[in-house]
Amino acid sequence: MKLLKSLAAAAMLTIVASAAQAEDVTLGNLTLSKTWTRATPPKAMAGGGFVEITNSGTEADRLIAASSPVSKKVELHEMAINDGVMVMREKEGGIEVPAGETVALKPGGLHIMFMGLNAPLEEGTVVPVKLTFEKAGDVEIKLDVQKMGAKGMTHGGMDHSKMDHGNMKKDGN
């Protein structure tokens, strides 16, 4: 009986924890999680999108394209510091997702770039995005729009940017 109560309590905690996180999407050996973006000011022409991609397979894959109805153009970008100057540019050839690893598209690094926004991205809404992978194909994800200037996903006031989410590569490659 004690074991049954423990299992029931664990199941309830899992349900509560699941409700507080964005829905993960699976495509073949890829799992896409922590999908979010930031709200933009009224006249902003660009915005960034963020996602973690985990490849549980034995072969690398590559994110090669993205599209969304929220902007005229969507590119895969990287941000880097070159000679003390922050540079943002399109990631030629896409973003590799090595086998058995997680690649984080996040502020200050690799990210999805929405260019020529049709309207501001508003906090509390969702941005639909289609991602295209070289091997796994196409997948639709939804980015939760967080507050302007957010550094990470928040759910119920919890800032996920300060949490250790396991052993992820720090350079985003």
Protein backbone atom coordinates (compact mmCIF):
# COMPACT_ATOMS: atom_id res chain seq x y z
CA MET A 1 0.00 0.00 0.00
CA LYS A 2 2.86 2.36 0.89
CA LEU A 3 4.43 1.69 -2.53
CA LEU A 4 1.10 2.43 -4.25
CA LYS A 5 0.82 5.79 -2.43
CA SER A 6 4.41 6.67 -3.38
CA LEU A 7 3.75 5.84 -7.03
CA ALA A 8 0.56 7.93 -7.01
CA ALA A 9 2.43 10.89 -5.49
CA ALA A 10 5.21 10.56 -8.07
CA ALA A 11 2.64 10.46 -10.88
CA MET A 12 0.96 13.63 -9.59
CA LEU A 13 4.31 15.45 -9.38
CA THR A 14 5.08 14.41 -12.95
CA ILE A 15 1.74 15.76 -14.16
CA VAL A 16 2.26 19.08 -12.34
CA ALA A 17 5.84 19.40 -13.64
CA SER A 18 4.72 18.60 -17.19
CA ALA A 19 2.03 21.27 -17.05
CA ALA A 20 4.66 23.87 -16.10
CA GLN A 21 6.89 23.21 -19.12
CA ALA A 22 6.52 23.82 -22.83
CA GLU A 23 5.53 20.70 -24.71
CA ASP A 24 8.48 18.72 -26.10
CA VAL A 25 8.27 17.70 -29.75
CA THR A 26 9.88 14.53 -31.08
CA LEU A 27 10.95 13.96 -34.68
CA GLY A 28 12.75 10.66 -35.20
CA ASN A 29 15.79 10.74 -32.89
CA LEU A 30 15.44 14.47 -32.23
CA THR A 31 13.66 16.02 -29.25
CA LEU A 32 12.94 19.75 -29.32
CA SER A 33 12.32 21.38 -25.95
CA LYS A 34 12.46 24.71 -24.13
CA THR A 35 10.93 26.55 -27.09
CA TRP A 36 10.54 30.29 -26.54
CA THR A 37 11.01 33.79 -27.88
CA ARG A 38 10.86 37.33 -26.47
CA ALA A 39 8.15 39.95 -26.85
CA THR A 40 9.21 42.77 -29.15
CA PRO A 41 8.60 46.53 -29.04
CA PRO A 42 5.84 47.89 -31.32
CA LYS A 43 8.11 48.92 -34.21
CA ALA A 44 10.73 46.19 -33.97
CA MET A 45 11.61 44.59 -37.29
CA ALA A 46 13.36 41.50 -35.87
CA GLY A 47 13.15 38.94 -33.09
CA GLY A 48 14.98 35.82 -31.95
CA GLY A 49 13.73 32.29 -31.36
CA PHE A 50 15.23 29.71 -29.03
CA VAL A 51 15.03 25.92 -28.66
CA GLU A 52 17.07 23.01 -27.34
CA ILE A 53 17.58 20.12 -29.76
CA THR A 54 18.62 16.74 -28.37
CA ASN A 55 19.81 14.05 -30.77
CA SER A 56 19.45 10.61 -29.14
CA GLY A 57 20.47 8.85 -32.36
CA THR A 58 23.80 7.47 -33.56
CA GLU A 59 24.12 9.86 -36.53
CA ALA A 60 24.44 13.64 -36.60
CA ASP A 61 21.67 15.70 -38.17
CA ARG A 62 21.62 19.34 -39.25
CA LEU A 63 19.02 22.07 -38.84
CA ILE A 64 19.05 23.62 -42.32
CA ALA A 65 16.04 25.97 -42.46
CA ALA A 66 13.24 27.63 -40.53
CA SER A 67 10.06 29.46 -41.52
CA SER A 68 7.21 31.20 -39.73
CA PRO A 69 4.17 33.27 -40.69
CA VAL A 70 5.22 35.99 -38.18
CA SER A 71 7.94 37.43 -40.43
CA LYS A 72 8.90 37.93 -44.05
CA LYS A 73 12.16 36.00 -43.61
CA VAL A 74 13.56 33.50 -41.09
CA GLU A 75 17.25 32.62 -40.85
CA LEU A 76 19.45 30.49 -38.63
CA HIS A 77 21.94 32.84 -36.95
CA GLU A 78 24.96 32.81 -34.72
CA MET A 79 26.22 35.57 -32.46
CA ALA A 80 29.91 35.74 -31.66
CA ILE A 81 32.55 38.17 -30.38
CA ASN A 82 35.23 38.94 -32.99
CA ASP A 83 38.07 41.24 -31.88
CA GLY A 84 35.90 42.56 -29.06
CA VAL A 85 32.95 43.30 -31.37
CA MET A 86 29.65 41.40 -31.20
CA VAL A 87 28.79 40.05 -34.63
CA MET A 88 25.53 38.41 -35.69
CA ARG A 89 25.34 36.58 -39.00
CA GLU A 90 23.54 33.81 -40.81
CA LYS A 91 24.93 30.36 -39.98
CA GLU A 92 26.00 29.13 -43.40
CA GLY A 93 25.27 25.43 -43.89
CA GLY A 94 22.86 25.28 -40.96
CA ILE A 95 23.40 24.09 -37.40
CA GLU A 96 24.87 20.64 -36.73
CA VAL A 97 23.21 18.49 -34.06
CA PRO A 98 25.80 15.81 -33.20
CA ALA A 99 24.69 12.29 -32.27
CA GLY A 100 24.10 11.87 -28.56
CA GLU A 101 24.30 15.60 -27.82
CA THR A 102 22.11 18.62 -27.11
CA VAL A 103 22.47 21.89 -29.00
CA ALA A 104 20.96 24.95 -27.34
CA LEU A 105 19.75 27.82 -29.53
CA LYS A 106 19.79 30.62 -26.95
CA PRO A 107 20.36 34.35 -26.55
CA GLY A 108 23.96 35.35 -27.25
CA GLY A 109 24.69 32.28 -29.38
CA LEU A 110 22.97 30.20 -32.02
CA HIS A 111 19.33 31.24 -32.60
CA ILE A 112 16.43 31.53 -35.03
CA MET A 113 16.18 35.07 -36.46
CA PHE A 114 12.79 36.47 -37.49
CA MET A 115 13.41 39.35 -39.92
CA GLY A 116 10.74 41.75 -41.15
CA LEU A 117 8.20 41.04 -38.43
CA ASN A 118 4.59 41.38 -39.63
CA ALA A 119 3.50 42.55 -36.15
CA PRO A 120 5.05 42.75 -32.69
CA LEU A 121 5.54 39.47 -30.81
CA GLU A 122 3.29 39.81 -27.75
CA GLU A 123 3.99 38.28 -24.35
CA GLY A 124 1.70 35.34 -23.59
CA THR A 125 1.15 34.39 -27.23
CA VAL A 126 2.69 31.57 -29.26
CA VAL A 127 4.79 31.79 -32.43
CA PRO A 128 4.48 28.84 -34.85
CA VAL A 129 7.75 27.81 -36.52
CA LYS A 130 8.55 25.09 -39.03
CA LEU A 131 12.07 23.69 -38.71
CA THR A 132 13.69 21.63 -41.45
CA PHE A 133 16.37 19.08 -40.64
CA GLU A 134 18.63 17.52 -43.26
CA LYS A 135 17.81 13.91 -42.26
CA ALA A 136 14.78 14.01 -39.94
CA GLY A 137 12.74 16.35 -42.19
CA ASP A 138 10.20 19.00 -41.16
CA VAL A 139 8.67 19.61 -37.75
CA GLU A 140 6.29 22.27 -36.40
CA ILE A 141 7.07 23.80 -33.01
CA LYS A 142 5.50 26.60 -30.98
CA LEU A 143 7.58 29.25 -29.25
CA ASP A 144 6.10 30.68 -26.05
CA VAL A 145 6.48 34.48 -26.13
CA GLN A 146 8.13 35.60 -22.87
CA LYS A 147 8.45 39.20 -21.61
CA MET A 148 10.70 41.72 -23.40
CA GLY A 149 14.32 41.25 -22.41
CA ALA A 150 13.78 37.75 -20.97
CA LYS A 151 17.01 35.78 -20.64
CA GLY A 152 15.28 32.40 -20.58
CA MET A 153 11.99 30.57 -20.39
CA THR A 154 9.75 31.31 -17.44
CA HIS A 155 6.74 29.34 -16.27
CA GLY A 156 4.85 30.36 -13.19
CA GLY A 157 7.59 32.86 -12.33
CA MET A 158 10.41 30.30 -12.57
CA ASP A 159 13.35 31.55 -14.68
CA HIS A 160 14.85 28.53 -16.45
CA SER A 161 17.91 30.49 -17.62
CA LYS A 162 19.56 30.11 -14.22
CA MET A 163 18.91 26.38 -13.87
CA ASP A 164 21.36 23.56 -14.63
CA HIS A 165 19.58 21.41 -17.22
CA GLY A 166 22.20 18.69 -17.31
CA ASN A 167 25.40 18.17 -19.19
CA MET A 168 24.88 20.32 -22.29
CA LYS A 169 27.58 21.65 -24.59
CA LYS A 170 28.35 25.19 -23.56
CA ASP A 171 29.44 26.51 -26.98
CA GLY A 172 26.13 25.68 -28.71
CA ASN A 173 27.82 23.69 -31.49
